[in-house]
Structures are given as structure tokens and as C-alpha cells.
Amino acid sequence: EQRKGRIVAHTNGAASYGEEGNYSAALAELERAKALDALNDEIRKEMDQTRRACNAERVLGNKPNC
């Protein structure tokens, strides 16, 4: 139960950082969540989505932090 709460805290933090465009911090939070549950598909999907968002920023000519 406590582990699930920590995972949710990390994924919520990652979402917040991602909205700000701080993909590096978002990925770091997701890595922390993954360390708690390496087989969690939701965490893996969030990591993939965050990496895609960062790459999209690069394609648009921005210089994201990731």
C-alpha cells in the first residue's frame, strides 16, 4: 500500500514536470517509480510518452531539457 502511494507520488510529479517541459526531471521521477515496480506497464507507457514528447519538442526546433 505504501509502495503504491510512493509510485503515485512519483508519477504525479513526473506529469507535473512534463507539463512544464522539464522532461529530464519527469524521466527521473519515472525512473524512481520504476525502481519500485519494474514490471508496471503504466510506468513504462508514461516513460515512452515522455520521451516522445521530448523528441517532438526537438523536431519543432525547441531545445527541451531531456
Protein backbone atom coordinates (compact mmCIF):
# COMPACT_ATOMS: atom_id res chain seq x y z
CA GLU A 1 0.00 0.00 0.00
CA GLN A 2 2.76 2.42 0.93
CA ARG A 3 4.69 1.43 -2.18
CA LYS A 4 1.68 2.21 -4.37
CA GLY A 5 1.41 5.63 -2.76
CA ARG A 6 5.06 6.32 -3.49
CA ILE A 7 4.61 5.22 -7.10
CA VAL A 8 1.61 7.53 -7.50
CA ALA A 9 3.59 10.40 -5.98
CA HIS A 10 6.41 9.84 -8.47
CA THR A 11 4.09 9.55 -11.47
CA ASN A 12 2.17 12.66 -10.42
CA GLY A 13 5.45 14.52 -10.04
CA ALA A 14 6.52 13.31 -13.48
CA ALA A 15 3.27 14.56 -15.00
CA SER A 16 3.79 17.96 -13.41
CA TYR A 17 7.35 18.23 -14.70
CA GLY A 18 6.24 17.06 -18.13
CA GLU A 19 3.61 19.79 -18.33
CA GLU A 20 6.33 22.33 -17.55
CA GLY A 21 8.51 20.89 -20.32
CA ASN A 22 11.11 19.62 -17.87
CA TYR A 23 11.37 16.18 -19.39
CA SER A 24 14.62 15.33 -17.64
CA ALA A 25 13.02 15.73 -14.21
CA ALA A 26 9.92 13.87 -15.41
CA LEU A 27 12.01 10.92 -16.57
CA ALA A 28 13.93 10.94 -13.29
CA GLU A 29 10.65 10.69 -11.35
CA LEU A 30 9.51 7.86 -13.60
CA GLU A 31 12.80 6.04 -13.05
CA ARG A 32 12.18 6.28 -9.30
CA ALA A 33 8.71 4.83 -9.80
CA LYS A 34 10.13 2.08 -12.00
CA ALA A 35 12.63 1.19 -9.27
CA LEU A 36 9.66 0.47 -7.00
CA ASP A 37 7.80 -1.61 -9.60
CA ALA A 38 9.89 -2.57 -12.61
CA LEU A 39 7.09 -4.56 -14.26
CA ASN A 40 4.45 -1.81 -14.15
CA ASP A 41 3.13 -1.20 -17.68
CA GLU A 42 1.70 2.22 -16.80
CA ILE A 43 5.11 3.49 -15.75
CA ARG A 44 6.66 2.11 -18.93
CA LYS A 45 3.97 3.79 -21.04
CA GLU A 46 4.49 7.11 -19.25
CA MET A 47 8.23 6.88 -19.87
CA ASP A 48 7.66 6.21 -23.56
CA GLN A 49 5.18 9.07 -23.82
CA THR A 50 7.56 11.45 -22.06
CA ARG A 51 10.41 10.51 -24.40
CA ARG A 52 8.13 11.02 -27.42
CA ALA A 53 7.07 14.44 -26.14
CA CYS A 54 10.70 15.42 -25.72
CA ASN A 55 11.55 14.25 -29.21
CA ALA A 56 8.58 16.16 -30.60
CA GLU A 57 9.93 19.32 -28.99
CA ARG A 58 13.26 18.70 -30.72
CA VAL A 59 11.55 18.21 -34.10
CA LEU A 60 9.80 21.54 -33.61
CA GLY A 61 13.19 23.17 -33.18
CA ASN A 62 12.99 23.68 -29.44
CA LYS A 63 15.77 22.67 -27.09
CA PRO A 64 13.97 20.70 -24.37
CA ASN A 65 15.57 19.61 -21.13
CA CYS A 66 15.66 15.84 -21.54
